[in-house]
């Protein structure tokens, strides 16, 4: 007795190292998604669709989104949002109320400076002082019963740009892992998330470059050998405004209204979750350097690398042997 032939999956030599890749543009940046050992590209295209859906909900660079609906109703009435948007807004507001540098109500200052956009300019001090009255995270009401958010003062604006990419990267990883994908790389414009063990090296570790703050993206000054993790960088080189011989970067201090001034060019956080990398890069950048108790009782925070304006690197938490200097004009302290 014979039975009909069943179509078998195509056998591919060294399947684990076969890569599928897609480039995408969203969240105001170039995005690269890569899967290793996957038998289909749907997981990449669906991940891009997921990114677009989150951008539709969270962006403040369009006239309509859930966050924009909250902003447009400031001082008038609460706005109900989706569960995912509410969860992220509530966490962002709670973090903002800790006053360590991150402030999701920074929107009025971001829109005033517009650094990174074609109409960027240096505002007057009176304009800045006026906006400072609108960035108080204590003036936000989050209602768990109906997922509503109310900004109490007209002119207040949420801006989740300091946390959204990390949140979205984590959701892509959740999606891939739900379908059994074993290894991949998520690059949301410099926010990296390495999923699973690397099939590119026999030790299963990934190689992550630390960006040279003084040159275009892609030039690394050091390489870190590490397991599955997120790598998030905050740097003053990413977006800046040149005016009257002075440079203004995009990391605004909600206490002063001006770009945060310290000796750092960048700080990179290695962590389990990408959203935690976003949060901790802000915390450490505003601190201006290592904190003595940073990472204690937090096994999900793997380490940090600081690059200062004297071209020096400070490594915290990572094994010294895992960091390799690539540019001799920099030194590791």
Protein backbone atom coordinates (compact mmCIF):
# COMPACT_ATOMS: atom_id res chain seq x y z
CA UNK A 1 0.00 0.00 0.00
CA UNK A 2 1.32 3.42 -0.90
CA UNK A 3 0.53 6.76 0.66
CA UNK A 4 0.67 10.23 -0.93
CA UNK A 5 4.02 11.95 -0.63
CA UNK A 6 4.06 14.66 2.03
CA UNK A 7 6.05 17.74 1.20
CA UNK A 8 9.08 17.91 3.44
CA UNK A 9 10.86 21.12 4.49
CA UNK A 10 13.71 21.98 2.19
CA UNK A 11 17.03 20.88 3.62
CA UNK A 12 19.55 23.71 3.81
CA UNK A 13 23.18 23.14 4.66
CA UNK A 14 24.21 24.96 7.84
CA UNK A 15 20.65 26.21 8.37
CA UNK A 16 21.54 27.79 11.72
CA UNK A 17 23.87 30.26 10.01
CA UNK A 18 21.52 31.10 7.13
CA UNK A 19 20.28 34.64 7.57
CA UNK A 20 17.13 36.40 6.52
CA UNK A 21 17.19 40.19 6.62
CA UNK A 22 14.90 43.13 6.02
CA UNK A 23 15.53 46.88 6.03
CA UNK A 24 12.72 49.16 7.12
CA UNK A 25 12.23 52.84 7.85
CA UNK A 26 10.10 53.80 10.83
CA UNK A 27 10.35 55.62 14.17
CA UNK A 28 12.30 58.32 12.33
CA UNK A 29 15.25 56.02 11.70
CA UNK A 30 16.65 53.17 9.59
CA UNK A 31 15.78 49.74 10.97
CA UNK A 32 17.48 46.40 10.30
CA UNK A 33 16.00 43.07 11.36
CA UNK A 34 17.88 39.78 10.93
CA UNK A 35 16.92 36.19 11.73
CA UNK A 36 19.24 33.20 11.65
CA UNK A 37 18.06 29.66 10.92
CA UNK A 38 14.52 30.70 10.09
CA UNK A 39 12.56 28.79 7.45
CA UNK A 40 10.44 31.76 6.38
CA UNK A 41 10.55 35.54 6.06
CA UNK A 42 7.08 36.14 7.49
CA UNK A 43 8.56 36.72 10.93
CA UNK A 44 10.49 39.70 9.55
CA UNK A 45 7.62 41.26 7.63
CA UNK A 46 5.26 40.81 10.59
CA UNK A 47 7.85 42.40 12.89
CA UNK A 48 7.93 45.42 10.57
CA UNK A 49 4.14 45.57 10.71
CA UNK A 50 4.35 45.45 14.51
CA UNK A 51 6.78 48.39 14.52
CA UNK A 52 4.43 50.39 12.27
CA UNK A 53 1.46 49.65 14.53
CA UNK A 54 3.32 50.86 17.60
CA UNK A 55 4.49 53.99 15.77
CA UNK A 56 0.90 54.71 14.77
CA UNK A 57 -0.06 54.61 18.46
CA UNK A 58 2.93 56.34 20.06
CA UNK A 59 4.34 58.94 17.65
CA UNK A 60 4.21 62.67 18.35
CA UNK A 61 5.50 63.55 14.89
CA UNK A 62 2.12 63.17 13.22
CA UNK A 63 -1.17 64.95 13.76
CA UNK A 64 -2.93 61.77 14.90
CA UNK A 65 -1.90 59.02 17.32
CA UNK A 66 -3.03 57.87 20.73
CA UNK A 67 -0.33 59.93 22.41
CA UNK A 68 -1.21 62.97 20.31
CA UNK A 69 -4.86 62.58 21.34
CA UNK A 70 -3.75 62.78 24.98
CA UNK A 71 -1.62 65.84 24.23
CA UNK A 72 -4.37 67.62 22.32
CA UNK A 73 -6.75 67.15 25.25
CA UNK A 74 -4.30 68.58 27.81
CA UNK A 75 -6.08 70.77 30.36
CA UNK A 76 -9.49 69.67 29.04
CA UNK A 77 -10.33 66.01 29.68
CA UNK A 78 -8.84 62.51 30.05
CA UNK A 79 -8.33 60.36 26.95
CA UNK A 80 -8.76 56.61 26.88
CA UNK A 81 -5.99 54.72 25.08
CA UNK A 82 -5.23 51.09 24.28
CA UNK A 83 -3.88 48.79 26.98
CA UNK A 84 -0.38 48.68 25.48
CA UNK A 85 -0.17 52.46 25.13
CA UNK A 86 -1.51 52.97 28.64
CA UNK A 87 0.98 50.53 30.15
CA UNK A 88 3.90 52.32 28.51
CA UNK A 89 2.64 55.81 29.39
CA UNK A 90 2.09 54.87 33.02
CA UNK A 91 5.56 53.40 33.36
CA UNK A 92 7.09 56.44 31.66
CA UNK A 93 5.24 58.80 34.02
CA UNK A 94 6.29 56.83 37.11
CA UNK A 95 9.92 56.91 35.98
CA UNK A 96 9.65 60.65 35.31
CA UNK A 97 8.46 61.21 38.86
CA UNK A 98 11.77 59.80 40.14
CA UNK A 99 13.57 62.86 38.69
CA UNK A 100 16.81 61.14 37.61
CA UNK A 101 16.86 62.74 34.17
CA UNK A 102 14.20 60.85 32.24
CA UNK A 103 11.05 62.93 31.73
CA UNK A 104 8.23 61.79 29.46
CA UNK A 105 6.65 65.26 29.75
CA UNK A 106 9.63 66.84 27.97
CA UNK A 107 7.51 67.35 24.84
CA UNK A 108 7.10 71.16 25.09
CA UNK A 109 10.88 71.59 25.28
CA UNK A 110 11.55 69.13 22.45
CA UNK A 111 9.06 70.96 20.24
CA UNK A 112 10.61 74.29 21.19
CA UNK A 113 14.19 73.32 20.27
CA UNK A 114 13.30 70.92 17.40
CA UNK A 115 16.86 69.52 17.42
CA UNK A 116 17.17 66.90 14.72
CA UNK A 117 14.58 68.58 12.50
CA UNK A 118 15.05 71.10 9.69
CA UNK A 119 13.49 73.92 11.71
CA UNK A 120 15.76 73.49 14.78
CA UNK A 121 16.74 76.72 16.53
CA UNK A 122 18.04 78.08 19.83
CA UNK A 123 15.08 79.50 21.75
CA UNK A 124 15.18 82.53 23.99
CA UNK A 125 15.45 82.13 27.74
CA UNK A 126 11.91 83.49 28.34
CA UNK A 127 10.56 80.89 25.90
CA UNK A 128 12.41 78.15 27.77
CA UNK A 129 11.18 79.35 31.16
CA UNK A 130 7.63 79.34 29.88
CA UNK A 131 7.94 75.71 28.71
CA UNK A 132 9.51 74.58 32.00
CA UNK A 133 6.15 75.14 33.68
CA UNK A 134 4.68 72.46 31.38
CA UNK A 135 7.06 69.56 32.03
CA UNK A 136 5.91 68.54 35.52
CA UNK A 137 5.28 64.74 35.66
CA UNK A 138 3.27 65.21 38.86
CA UNK A 139 0.51 66.84 36.79
CA UNK A 140 -0.48 63.62 35.01
CA UNK A 141 -3.40 61.42 36.05
CA UNK A 142 -3.32 57.77 34.91
CA UNK A 143 -6.57 55.92 35.55
CA UNK A 144 -6.22 52.12 35.70
CA UNK A 145 -9.99 51.58 35.57
CA UNK A 146 -10.48 52.84 32.02
CA UNK A 147 -6.90 53.20 30.69
CA UNK A 148 -7.26 56.95 30.48
CA UNK A 149 -4.57 59.61 30.73
CA UNK A 150 -5.11 63.24 31.67
CA UNK A 151 -2.55 66.02 31.39
CA UNK A 152 -3.83 68.58 33.87
CA UNK A 153 -2.38 71.74 32.30
CA UNK A 154 -3.08 73.00 28.80
CA UNK A 155 0.08 72.87 26.70
CA UNK A 156 1.55 69.80 28.40
CA UNK A 157 2.85 67.14 25.99
CA UNK A 158 3.88 63.54 26.43
CA UNK A 159 6.90 62.43 24.39
CA UNK A 160 7.84 58.76 24.67
CA UNK A 161 10.87 59.05 22.38
CA UNK A 162 13.20 58.24 25.27
CA UNK A 163 11.63 54.85 25.95
CA UNK A 164 9.55 53.71 22.96
CA UNK A 165 12.25 52.08 20.83
CA UNK A 166 13.38 49.89 23.71
CA UNK A 167 9.81 48.85 24.43
CA UNK A 168 9.20 48.01 20.77
CA UNK A 169 12.44 46.02 20.46
CA UNK A 170 11.37 43.90 23.43
CA UNK A 171 7.99 43.23 21.81
CA UNK A 172 9.68 42.06 18.59
CA UNK A 173 11.78 39.65 20.62
CA UNK A 174 8.62 38.37 22.34
CA UNK A 175 7.01 37.81 18.93
CA UNK A 176 9.98 35.94 17.52
CA UNK A 177 10.36 33.76 20.58
CA UNK A 178 6.62 32.96 20.54
CA UNK A 179 7.22 31.31 17.16
CA UNK A 180 10.36 29.48 18.27
CA UNK A 181 12.90 31.66 16.48
CA UNK A 182 16.26 30.91 18.02
CA UNK A 183 18.62 33.72 16.99
CA UNK A 184 18.40 37.19 15.52
CA UNK A 185 19.36 40.83 15.68
CA UNK A 186 17.04 43.79 16.12
CA UNK A 187 18.54 47.17 15.23
CA UNK A 188 16.18 50.09 15.73
CA UNK A 189 18.47 52.87 14.60
CA UNK A 190 21.26 52.05 17.04
CA UNK A 191 19.13 50.38 19.70
CA UNK A 192 20.39 46.81 19.45
CA UNK A 193 18.85 43.63 20.77
CA UNK A 194 20.63 40.32 20.20
CA UNK A 195 18.26 37.37 20.49
CA UNK A 196 19.58 33.93 21.45
CA UNK A 197 23.11 32.65 20.99
CA UNK A 198 25.09 34.01 18.05
CA UNK A 199 25.48 31.51 15.19
CA UNK A 200 28.29 33.65 13.76
CA UNK A 201 30.95 32.65 16.30
CA UNK A 202 31.88 29.28 17.74
CA UNK A 203 31.62 30.62 21.29
CA UNK A 204 27.98 31.62 20.71
CA UNK A 205 28.73 35.20 21.77
CA UNK A 206 27.84 38.38 19.91
CA UNK A 207 30.28 41.15 19.01
CA UNK A 208 28.90 44.62 19.74
CA UNK A 209 30.70 47.76 18.59
CA UNK A 210 30.93 50.93 20.68
CA UNK A 211 30.35 53.86 18.34
CA UNK A 212 33.02 56.49 17.82
CA UNK A 213 31.24 59.65 19.02
CA UNK A 214 33.24 61.84 16.62
CA UNK A 215 32.55 60.03 13.33
CA UNK A 216 29.49 58.83 11.36
CA UNK A 217 27.56 55.81 12.63
CA UNK A 218 29.27 52.50 11.91
CA UNK A 219 32.76 53.38 13.12
CA UNK A 220 33.55 51.45 16.30
CA UNK A 221 36.20 52.37 18.85
CA UNK A 222 35.80 49.15 20.85
CA UNK A 223 34.18 45.73 20.58
CA UNK A 224 32.33 43.91 23.36
CA UNK A 225 31.99 40.12 23.35
CA UNK A 226 28.75 39.24 25.12
CA UNK A 227 25.81 36.82 25.20
CA UNK A 228 22.19 37.60 24.31
CA UNK A 229 21.43 41.14 25.44
CA UNK A 230 20.29 44.62 24.58
CA UNK A 231 22.82 47.37 23.85
CA UNK A 232 21.47 50.93 24.01
CA UNK A 233 23.50 54.11 23.66
CA UNK A 234 22.75 57.70 24.58
CA UNK A 235 25.18 60.10 22.96
CA UNK A 236 25.46 63.78 22.25
CA UNK A 237 26.64 63.00 18.70
CA UNK A 238 23.33 61.55 17.52
CA UNK A 239 21.46 64.82 16.88
CA UNK A 240 22.77 68.31 17.41
CA UNK A 241 22.35 71.92 16.35
CA UNK A 242 25.21 74.23 15.39
CA UNK A 243 24.52 77.91 16.03
CA UNK A 244 26.92 80.86 16.33
CA UNK A 245 29.88 78.55 16.72
CA UNK A 246 28.27 76.55 19.53
CA UNK A 247 26.93 73.00 19.41
CA UNK A 248 23.68 72.00 21.15
CA UNK A 249 22.83 68.30 21.47
CA UNK A 250 19.36 66.79 21.79
CA UNK A 251 19.47 65.44 25.38
CA UNK A 252 17.49 68.15 27.14
CA UNK A 253 17.47 68.70 30.90
CA UNK A 254 13.91 69.28 32.12
CA UNK A 255 15.24 71.18 35.15
CA UNK A 256 17.04 73.85 33.11
CA UNK A 257 15.43 73.60 29.68
CA UNK A 258 18.83 73.40 28.00
CA UNK A 259 20.92 70.43 26.78
CA UNK A 260 22.48 68.53 29.70
CA UNK A 261 26.11 69.56 30.14
CA UNK A 262 28.77 67.18 31.44
CA UNK A 263 31.98 65.45 30.37
CA UNK A 264 30.34 62.55 28.57
CA UNK A 265 30.15 61.90 24.85
CA UNK A 266 28.11 58.72 25.28
CA UNK A 267 27.07 55.92 27.59
CA UNK A 268 26.11 52.41 26.44
CA UNK A 269 24.09 50.03 28.60
CA UNK A 270 24.10 46.25 28.22
CA UNK A 271 20.96 44.73 29.74
CA UNK A 272 18.47 41.91 29.38
CA UNK A 273 15.57 44.13 28.32
CA UNK A 274 15.95 46.95 25.82
CA UNK A 275 13.52 49.22 27.66
CA UNK A 276 15.79 49.02 30.72
CA UNK A 277 18.72 49.99 28.52
CA UNK A 278 16.82 53.12 27.45
CA UNK A 279 16.05 54.02 31.05
CA UNK A 280 19.54 53.38 32.39
CA UNK A 281 21.40 55.23 29.63
CA UNK A 282 19.40 58.31 30.60
CA UNK A 283 20.05 57.77 34.29
CA UNK A 284 23.82 57.40 33.83
CA UNK A 285 24.15 60.14 31.21
CA UNK A 286 22.51 62.62 33.57
CA UNK A 287 24.68 61.34 36.43
CA UNK A 288 27.70 62.23 34.28
CA UNK A 289 29.53 58.97 35.00
CA UNK A 290 29.38 55.71 36.99
CA UNK A 291 27.21 55.50 40.10
CA UNK A 292 28.67 53.56 43.02
CA UNK A 293 25.58 51.43 43.59
CA UNK A 294 24.50 51.07 39.95
CA UNK A 295 23.50 47.55 38.96
CA UNK A 296 23.52 46.17 42.50
CA UNK A 297 20.61 43.76 43.05
CA UNK A 298 19.88 44.05 39.31
CA UNK A 299 21.21 40.91 37.56
CA UNK A 300 19.34 42.05 34.45
CA UNK A 301 21.76 44.99 34.08
CA UNK A 302 24.95 43.50 32.67
CA UNK A 303 27.22 46.51 32.41
CA UNK A 304 27.95 49.97 31.00
CA UNK A 305 30.63 51.73 28.95
CA UNK A 306 31.18 55.48 29.24
CA UNK A 307 33.06 57.53 26.64
CA UNK A 308 34.17 60.98 27.79
CA UNK A 309 35.39 64.06 25.92
CA UNK A 310 39.02 63.16 26.68
CA UNK A 311 38.61 60.02 24.49
CA UNK A 312 38.64 57.73 27.51
CA UNK A 313 36.44 54.68 28.12
CA UNK A 314 35.26 53.57 31.55
CA UNK A 315 33.93 50.01 31.75
CA UNK A 316 31.51 49.06 34.55
CA UNK A 317 30.20 45.57 35.26
CA UNK A 318 31.62 43.83 32.17
CA UNK A 319 34.60 41.44 32.38
CA UNK A 320 37.72 43.38 31.26
CA UNK A 321 38.57 40.58 28.82
CA UNK A 322 35.23 41.10 27.02
CA UNK A 323 36.16 44.61 25.84
CA UNK A 324 38.65 45.03 23.00
CA UNK A 325 39.90 48.49 22.02
CA UNK A 326 39.86 49.04 18.25
CA UNK A 327 40.96 52.68 18.01
CA UNK A 328 44.35 53.51 19.55
CA UNK A 329 43.46 57.18 19.90
CA UNK A 330 41.11 56.14 22.74
CA UNK A 331 42.16 54.58 26.04
CA UNK A 332 40.41 52.33 28.56
CA UNK A 333 40.72 53.61 32.12
